[in-house]
Amino acid sequence: MELVKLTEALARALVDYPEQVKVNEITGEQASLIELSVAKEDLGKIIGREGRIAHALRLILSCAAAKEHRHLTLAILE
């Protein structure tokens, strides 16, 4: 649950429409999937130039998940 809150906080800080940020976690046996959905206008701000912001978000979340001995994947939904 902490990873969902972290994802939501990071995404809300980056976008123009923070009220439209939605985060959903799907937990499996060995891994978790976090789905991030933002307003269509904010999609570029979450992905970033050449995917740099998306990569940084995935790195931060992977490090936080590793601390809890979990594997995590971030999916940015359109």
PDB file of N, CA and C in Angstrom:
ATOM      1  N   MET A   1       0.823  -1.203   0.000  1.00  0.00           N
ATOM      2  CA  MET A   1       0.000   0.000   0.000  1.00  0.00           C
ATOM      3  C   MET A   1       0.863   1.262   0.000  1.00  0.00           C
ATOM      4  N   GLU A   2       2.007   1.180   0.632  1.00  0.00           N
ATOM      5  CA  GLU A   2       2.883   2.350   0.661  1.00  0.00           C
ATOM      6  C   GLU A   2       3.377   2.704  -0.736  1.00  0.00           C
ATOM      7  N   LEU A   3       3.585   1.687  -1.565  1.00  0.00           N
ATOM      8  CA  LEU A   3       4.051   1.939  -2.932  1.00  0.00           C
ATOM      9  C   LEU A   3       2.980   2.640  -3.756  1.00  0.00           C
ATOM     10  N   VAL A   4       1.730   2.340  -3.489  1.00  0.00           N
ATOM     11  CA  VAL A   4       0.633   3.017  -4.180  1.00  0.00           C
ATOM     12  C   VAL A   4       0.617   4.491  -3.790  1.00  0.00           C
ATOM     13  N   LYS A   5       0.782   4.761  -2.502  1.00  0.00           N
ATOM     14  CA  LYS A   5       0.799   6.150  -2.033  1.00  0.00           C
ATOM     15  C   LYS A   5       2.003   6.903  -2.594  1.00  0.00           C
ATOM     16  N   LEU A   6       3.146   6.242  -2.657  1.00  0.00           N
ATOM     17  CA  LEU A   6       4.348   6.866  -3.223  1.00  0.00           C
ATOM     18  C   LEU A   6       4.141   7.188  -4.697  1.00  0.00           C
ATOM     19  N   THR A   7       3.590   6.246  -5.440  1.00  0.00           N
ATOM     20  CA  THR A   7       3.312   6.452  -6.870  1.00  0.00           C
ATOM     21  C   THR A   7       2.357   7.617  -7.064  1.00  0.00           C
ATOM     22  N   GLU A   8       1.301   7.640  -6.273  1.00  0.00           N
ATOM     23  CA  GLU A   8       0.306   8.711  -6.393  1.00  0.00           C
ATOM     24  C   GLU A   8       0.915  10.068  -6.057  1.00  0.00           C
ATOM     25  N   ALA A   9       1.719  10.140  -5.011  1.00  0.00           N
ATOM     26  CA  ALA A   9       2.338  11.406  -4.619  1.00  0.00           C
ATOM     27  C   ALA A   9       3.294  11.920  -5.695  1.00  0.00           C
ATOM     28  N   LEU A  10       4.108  11.025  -6.252  1.00  0.00           N
ATOM     29  CA  LEU A  10       5.041  11.431  -7.302  1.00  0.00           C
ATOM     30  C   LEU A  10       4.296  11.895  -8.552  1.00  0.00           C
ATOM     31  N   ALA A  11       3.273  11.160  -8.941  1.00  0.00           N
ATOM     32  CA  ALA A  11       2.514  11.522 -10.142  1.00  0.00           C
ATOM     33  C   ALA A  11       1.787  12.845  -9.956  1.00  0.00           C
ATOM     34  N   ARG A  12       1.160  13.045  -8.798  1.00  0.00           N
ATOM     35  CA  ARG A  12       0.433  14.292  -8.544  1.00  0.00           C
ATOM     36  C   ARG A  12       1.360  15.509  -8.565  1.00  0.00           C
ATOM     37  N   ALA A  13       2.605  15.314  -8.165  1.00  0.00           N
ATOM     38  CA  ALA A  13       3.561  16.419  -8.164  1.00  0.00           C
ATOM     39  C   ALA A  13       3.983  16.810  -9.581  1.00  0.00           C
ATOM     40  N   LEU A  14       3.838  15.905 -10.528  1.00  0.00           N
ATOM     41  CA  LEU A  14       4.315  16.146 -11.890  1.00  0.00           C
ATOM     42  C   LEU A  14       3.262  16.698 -12.841  1.00  0.00           C
ATOM     43  N   VAL A  15       1.986  16.486 -12.556  1.00  0.00           N
ATOM     44  CA  VAL A  15       0.933  16.772 -13.533  1.00  0.00           C
ATOM     45  C   VAL A  15       0.204  18.086 -13.258  1.00  0.00           C
ATOM     46  N   ASP A  16      -0.532  18.545 -14.267  1.00  0.00           N
ATOM     47  CA  ASP A  16      -1.351  19.754 -14.129  1.00  0.00           C
ATOM     48  C   ASP A  16      -2.723  19.455 -13.544  1.00  0.00           C
ATOM     49  N   TYR A  17      -3.193  18.220 -13.697  1.00  0.00           N
ATOM     50  CA  TYR A  17      -4.513  17.821 -13.198  1.00  0.00           C
ATOM     51  C   TYR A  17      -4.365  16.691 -12.176  1.00  0.00           C
ATOM     52  N   PRO A  18      -3.889  17.007 -10.967  1.00  0.00           N
ATOM     53  CA  PRO A  18      -3.633  15.955  -9.978  1.00  0.00           C
ATOM     54  C   PRO A  18      -4.884  15.204  -9.526  1.00  0.00           C
ATOM     55  N   GLU A  19      -6.054  15.825  -9.674  1.00  0.00           N
ATOM     56  CA  GLU A  19      -7.282  15.152  -9.249  1.00  0.00           C
ATOM     57  C   GLU A  19      -7.638  13.987 -10.169  1.00  0.00           C
ATOM     58  N   GLN A  20      -7.025  13.920 -11.353  1.00  0.00           N
ATOM     59  CA  GLN A  20      -7.315  12.844 -12.297  1.00  0.00           C
ATOM     60  C   GLN A  20      -6.303  11.696 -12.234  1.00  0.00           C
ATOM     61  N   VAL A  21      -5.382  11.768 -11.276  1.00  0.00           N
ATOM     62  CA  VAL A  21      -4.406  10.692 -11.108  1.00  0.00           C
ATOM     63  C   VAL A  21      -5.088   9.515 -10.416  1.00  0.00           C
ATOM     64  N   LYS A  22      -4.970   8.335 -11.036  1.00  0.00           N
ATOM     65  CA  LYS A  22      -5.535   7.115 -10.456  1.00  0.00           C
ATOM     66  C   LYS A  22      -4.445   6.051 -10.430  1.00  0.00           C
ATOM     67  N   VAL A  23      -4.316   5.391  -9.283  1.00  0.00           N
ATOM     68  CA  VAL A  23      -3.308   4.355  -9.119  1.00  0.00           C
ATOM     69  C   VAL A  23      -4.000   3.094  -8.625  1.00  0.00           C
ATOM     70  N   ASN A  24      -3.678   1.970  -9.261  1.00  0.00           N
ATOM     71  CA  ASN A  24      -4.260   0.687  -8.893  1.00  0.00           C
ATOM     72  C   ASN A  24      -3.139  -0.338  -8.775  1.00  0.00           C
ATOM     73  N   GLU A  25      -3.170  -1.140  -7.717  1.00  0.00           N
ATOM     74  CA  GLU A  25      -2.146  -2.172  -7.537  1.00  0.00           C
ATOM     75  C   GLU A  25      -2.761  -3.547  -7.733  1.00  0.00           C
ATOM     76  N   ILE A  26      -2.099  -4.360  -8.528  1.00  0.00           N
ATOM     77  CA  ILE A  26      -2.495  -5.751  -8.729  1.00  0.00           C
ATOM     78  C   ILE A  26      -1.359  -6.594  -8.165  1.00  0.00           C
ATOM     79  N   THR A  27      -1.664  -7.330  -7.117  1.00  0.00           N
ATOM     80  CA  THR A  27      -0.642  -8.092  -6.417  1.00  0.00           C
ATOM     81  C   THR A  27      -0.694  -9.555  -6.827  1.00  0.00           C
ATOM     82  N   GLY A  28       0.457 -10.080  -7.206  1.00  0.00           N
ATOM     83  CA  GLY A  28       0.583 -11.491  -7.551  1.00  0.00           C
ATOM     84  C   GLY A  28       1.393 -12.202  -6.487  1.00  0.00           C
ATOM     85  N   GLU A  29       1.726 -13.461  -6.746  1.00  0.00           N
ATOM     86  CA  GLU A  29       2.492 -14.238  -5.779  1.00  0.00           C
ATOM     87  C   GLU A  29       3.915 -13.716  -5.622  1.00  0.00           C
ATOM     88  N   GLN A  30       4.560 -13.419  -6.747  1.00  0.00           N
ATOM     89  CA  GLN A  30       5.954 -13.008  -6.694  1.00  0.00           C
ATOM     90  C   GLN A  30       6.182 -11.559  -7.093  1.00  0.00           C
ATOM     91  N   ALA A  31       5.201 -10.952  -7.717  1.00  0.00           N
ATOM     92  CA  ALA A  31       5.394  -9.591  -8.214  1.00  0.00           C
ATOM     93  C   ALA A  31       4.100  -8.799  -8.106  1.00  0.00           C
ATOM     94  N   SER A  32       4.247  -7.486  -8.170  1.00  0.00           N
ATOM     95  CA  SER A  32       3.098  -6.588  -8.159  1.00  0.00           C
ATOM     96  C   SER A  32       3.142  -5.711  -9.398  1.00  0.00           C
ATOM     97  N   LEU A  33       1.963  -5.320  -9.839  1.00  0.00           N
ATOM     98  CA  LEU A  33       1.834  -4.408 -10.973  1.00  0.00           C
ATOM     99  C   LEU A  33       1.100  -3.175 -10.481  1.00  0.00           C
ATOM    100  N   ILE A  34       1.685  -2.019 -10.702  1.00  0.00           N
ATOM    101  CA  ILE A  34       1.024  -0.766 -10.366  1.00  0.00           C
ATOM    102  C   ILE A  34       0.621  -0.099 -11.672  1.00  0.00           C
ATOM    103  N   GLU A  35      -0.667   0.167 -11.806  1.00  0.00           N
ATOM    104  CA  GLU A  35      -1.198   0.837 -12.983  1.00  0.00           C
ATOM    105  C   GLU A  35      -1.412   2.304 -12.653  1.00  0.00           C
ATOM    106  N   LEU A  36      -0.838   3.172 -13.457  1.00  0.00           N
ATOM    107  CA  LEU A  36      -0.945   4.615 -13.267  1.00  0.00           C
ATOM    108  C   LEU A  36      -1.722   5.207 -14.433  1.00  0.00           C
ATOM    109  N   SER A  37      -2.768   5.937 -14.111  1.00  0.00           N
ATOM    110  CA  SER A  37      -3.592   6.583 -15.126  1.00  0.00           C
ATOM    111  C   SER A  37      -3.658   8.072 -14.815  1.00  0.00           C
ATOM    112  N   VAL A  38      -3.419   8.900 -15.827  1.00  0.00           N
ATOM    113  CA  VAL A  38      -3.467  10.351 -15.668  1.00  0.00           C
ATOM    114  C   VAL A  38      -4.317  10.937 -16.796  1.00  0.00           C
ATOM    115  N   ALA A  39      -4.602  12.229 -16.709  1.00  0.00           N
ATOM    116  CA  ALA A  39      -5.339  12.912 -17.770  1.00  0.00           C
ATOM    117  C   ALA A  39      -4.539  12.833 -19.066  1.00  0.00           C
ATOM    118  N   LYS A  40      -5.235  12.800 -20.174  1.00  0.00           N
ATOM    119  CA  LYS A  40      -4.583  12.687 -21.483  1.00  0.00           C
ATOM    120  C   LYS A  40      -3.575  13.823 -21.699  1.00  0.00           C
ATOM    121  N   GLU A  41      -3.903  15.015 -21.195  1.00  0.00           N
ATOM    122  CA  GLU A  41      -3.019  16.171 -21.349  1.00  0.00           C
ATOM    123  C   GLU A  41      -1.726  16.020 -20.543  1.00  0.00           C
ATOM    124  N   ASP A  42      -1.748  15.199 -19.504  1.00  0.00           N
ATOM    125  CA  ASP A  42      -0.587  15.032 -18.621  1.00  0.00           C
ATOM    126  C   ASP A  42       0.272  13.828 -18.969  1.00  0.00           C
ATOM    127  N   LEU A  43      -0.126  13.060 -19.949  1.00  0.00           N
ATOM    128  CA  LEU A  43       0.596  11.839 -20.279  1.00  0.00           C
ATOM    129  C   LEU A  43       2.058  12.121 -20.644  1.00  0.00           C
ATOM    130  N   GLY A  44       2.288  13.189 -21.384  1.00  0.00           N
ATOM    131  CA  GLY A  44       3.655  13.559 -21.757  1.00  0.00           C
ATOM    132  C   GLY A  44       4.510  13.958 -20.578  1.00  0.00           C
ATOM    133  N   LYS A  45       3.887  14.539 -19.558  1.00  0.00           N
ATOM    134  CA  LYS A  45       4.637  14.939 -18.366  1.00  0.00           C
ATOM    135  C   LYS A  45       5.045  13.737 -17.542  1.00  0.00           C
ATOM    136  N   ILE A  46       4.253  12.678 -17.576  1.00  0.00           N
ATOM    137  CA  ILE A  46       4.587  11.461 -16.838  1.00  0.00           C
ATOM    138  C   ILE A  46       5.629  10.641 -17.589  1.00  0.00           C
ATOM    139  N   ILE A  47       5.531  10.620 -18.913  1.00  0.00           N
ATOM    140  CA  ILE A  47       6.491   9.848 -19.698  1.00  0.00           C
ATOM    141  C   ILE A  47       7.807  10.604 -19.848  1.00  0.00           C
ATOM    142  N   GLY A  48       7.741  11.900 -20.115  1.00  0.00           N
ATOM    143  CA  GLY A  48       8.948  12.705 -20.237  1.00  0.00           C
ATOM    144  C   GLY A  48       9.619  12.553 -21.590  1.00  0.00           C
ATOM    145  N   ARG A  49      10.590  13.386 -21.821  1.00  0.00           N
ATOM    146  CA  ARG A  49      11.337  13.351 -23.074  1.00  0.00           C
ATOM    147  C   ARG A  49      12.142  12.060 -23.150  1.00  0.00           C
ATOM    148  N   GLU A  50      11.918  11.301 -24.221  1.00  0.00           N
ATOM    149  CA  GLU A  50      12.562  10.002 -24.445  1.00  0.00           C
ATOM    150  C   GLU A  50      12.305   9.017 -23.305  1.00  0.00           C
ATOM    151  N   GLY A  51      11.210   9.209 -22.556  1.00  0.00           N
ATOM    152  CA  GLY A  51      10.839   8.280 -21.491  1.00  0.00           C
ATOM    153  C   GLY A  51      11.647   8.408 -20.218  1.00  0.00           C
ATOM    154  N   ARG A  52      12.342   9.530 -20.067  1.00  0.00           N
ATOM    155  CA  ARG A  52      13.237   9.674 -18.916  1.00  0.00           C
ATOM    156  C   ARG A  52      12.491   9.743 -17.584  1.00  0.00           C
ATOM    157  N   ILE A  53      11.376  10.447 -17.537  1.00  0.00           N
ATOM    158  CA  ILE A  53      10.627  10.558 -16.283  1.00  0.00           C
ATOM    159  C   ILE A  53       9.996   9.214 -15.937  1.00  0.00           C
ATOM    160  N   ALA A  54       9.437   8.527 -16.922  1.00  0.00           N
ATOM    161  CA  ALA A  54       8.862   7.200 -16.685  1.00  0.00           C
ATOM    162  C   ALA A  54       9.938   6.246 -16.165  1.00  0.00           C
ATOM    163  N   HIS A  55      11.118   6.315 -16.747  1.00  0.00           N
ATOM    164  CA  HIS A  55      12.218   5.471 -16.295  1.00  0.00           C
ATOM    165  C   HIS A  55      12.598   5.806 -14.848  1.00  0.00           C
ATOM    166  N   ALA A  56      12.657   7.088 -14.525  1.00  0.00           N
ATOM    167  CA  ALA A  56      13.000   7.499 -13.161  1.00  0.00           C
ATOM    168  C   ALA A  56      11.933   7.040 -12.168  1.00  0.00           C
ATOM    169  N   LEU A  57      10.654   7.154 -12.535  1.00  0.00           N
ATOM    170  CA  LEU A  57       9.584   6.673 -11.661  1.00  0.00           C
ATOM    171  C   LEU A  57       9.717   5.173 -11.425  1.00  0.00           C
ATOM    172  N   ARG A  58       9.981   4.428 -12.475  1.00  0.00           N
ATOM    173  CA  ARG A  58      10.138   2.975 -12.337  1.00  0.00           C
ATOM    174  C   ARG A  58      11.328   2.629 -11.458  1.00  0.00           C
ATOM    175  N   LEU A  59      12.405   3.377 -11.591  1.00  0.00           N
ATOM    176  CA  LEU A  59      13.593   3.137 -10.776  1.00  0.00           C
ATOM    177  C   LEU A  59      13.316   3.405  -9.299  1.00  0.00           C
ATOM    178  N   ILE A  60      12.678   4.515  -8.999  1.00  0.00           N
ATOM    179  CA  ILE A  60      12.348   4.856  -7.609  1.00  0.00           C
ATOM    180  C   ILE A  60      11.445   3.786  -7.004  1.00  0.00           C
ATOM    181  N   LEU A  61      10.407   3.389  -7.745  1.00  0.00           N
ATOM    182  CA  LEU A  61       9.474   2.397  -7.228  1.00  0.00           C
ATOM    183  C   LEU A  61      10.124   1.024  -7.088  1.00  0.00           C
ATOM    184  N   SER A  62      11.005   0.675  -7.999  1.00  0.00           N
ATOM    185  CA  SER A  62      11.702  -0.608  -7.889  1.00  0.00           C
ATOM    186  C   SER A  62      12.602  -0.646  -6.658  1.00  0.00           C
ATOM    187  N   CYS A  63      13.259   0.458  -6.378  1.00  0.00           N
ATOM    188  CA  CYS A  63      14.114   0.532  -5.191  1.00  0.00           C
ATOM    189  C   CYS A  63      13.283   0.438  -3.909  1.00  0.00           C
ATOM    190  N   ALA A  64      12.149   1.115  -3.892  1.00  0.00           N
ATOM    191  CA  ALA A  64      11.274   1.056  -2.731  1.00  0.00           C
ATOM    192  C   ALA A  64      10.713  -0.355  -2.544  1.00  0.00           C
ATOM    193  N   ALA A  65      10.383  -1.024  -3.634  1.00  0.00           N
ATOM    194  CA  ALA A  65       9.862  -2.400  -3.557  1.00  0.00           C
ATOM    195  C   ALA A  65      10.950  -3.367  -3.118  1.00  0.00           C
ATOM    196  N   ALA A  66      12.169  -3.169  -3.579  1.00  0.00           N
ATOM    197  CA  ALA A  66      13.278  -4.048  -3.198  1.00  0.00           C
ATOM    198  C   ALA A  66      13.532  -3.983  -1.695  1.00  0.00           C
ATOM    199  N   LYS A  67      13.295  -2.834  -1.114  1.00  0.00           N
ATOM    200  CA  LYS A  67      13.458  -2.690   0.333  1.00  0.00           C
ATOM    201  C   LYS A  67      12.493  -3.612   1.076  1.00  0.00           C
ATOM    202  N   GLU A  68      11.340  -3.867   0.458  1.00  0.00           N
ATOM    203  CA  GLU A  68      10.328  -4.762   1.041  1.00  0.00           C
ATOM    204  C   GLU A  68      10.447  -6.184   0.464  1.00  0.00           C
ATOM    205  N   HIS A  69      11.537  -6.470  -0.272  1.00  0.00           N
ATOM    206  CA  HIS A  69      11.782  -7.770  -0.894  1.00  0.00           C
ATOM    207  C   HIS A  69      10.654  -8.161  -1.847  1.00  0.00           C
ATOM    208  N   ARG A  70      10.251  -7.205  -2.669  1.00  0.00           N
ATOM    209  CA  ARG A  70       9.190  -7.414  -3.655  1.00  0.00           C
ATOM    210  C   ARG A  70       9.691  -7.007  -5.026  1.00  0.00           C
ATOM    211  N   HIS A  71       9.058  -7.514  -6.056  1.00  0.00           N
ATOM    212  CA  HIS A  71       9.336  -7.109  -7.435  1.00  0.00           C
ATOM    213  C   HIS A  71       8.141  -6.301  -7.917  1.00  0.00           C
ATOM    214  N   LEU A  72       8.402  -5.206  -8.605  1.00  0.00           N
ATOM    215  CA  LEU A  72       7.336  -4.297  -8.988  1.00  0.00           C
ATOM    216  C   LEU A  72       7.483  -3.867 -10.443  1.00  0.00           C
ATOM    217  N   THR A  73       6.346  -3.729 -11.116  1.00  0.00           N
ATOM    218  CA  THR A  73       6.307  -3.209 -12.477  1.00  0.00           C
ATOM    219  C   THR A  73       5.331  -2.051 -12.503  1.00  0.00           C
ATOM    220  N   LEU A  74       5.716  -0.949 -13.133  1.00  0.00           N
ATOM    221  CA  LEU A  74       4.838   0.206 -13.289  1.00  0.00           C
ATOM    222  C   LEU A  74       4.331   0.247 -14.718  1.00  0.00           C
ATOM    223  N   ALA A  75       3.013   0.281 -14.869  1.00  0.00           N
ATOM    224  CA  ALA A  75       2.383   0.404 -16.179  1.00  0.00           C
ATOM    225  C   ALA A  75       1.685   1.755 -16.251  1.00  0.00           C
ATOM    226  N   ILE A  76       2.012   2.546 -17.253  1.00  0.00           N
ATOM    227  CA  ILE A  76       1.387   3.842 -17.449  1.00  0.00           C
ATOM    228  C   ILE A  76       0.299   3.656 -18.498  1.00  0.00           C
ATOM    229  N   LEU A  77      -0.942   3.841 -18.089  1.00  0.00           N
ATOM    230  CA  LEU A  77      -2.079   3.592 -18.961  1.00  0.00           C
ATOM    231  C   LEU A  77      -2.473   4.848 -19.715  1.00  0.00           C
ATOM    232  N   GLU A  78      -2.937   4.680 -20.942  1.00  0.00           N
ATOM    233  CA  GLU A  78      -3.410   5.800 -21.748  1.00  0.00           C
ATOM    234  C   GLU A  78      -4.885   6.001 -21.533  1.00  0.00           C
TER     235      GLU A  78
END
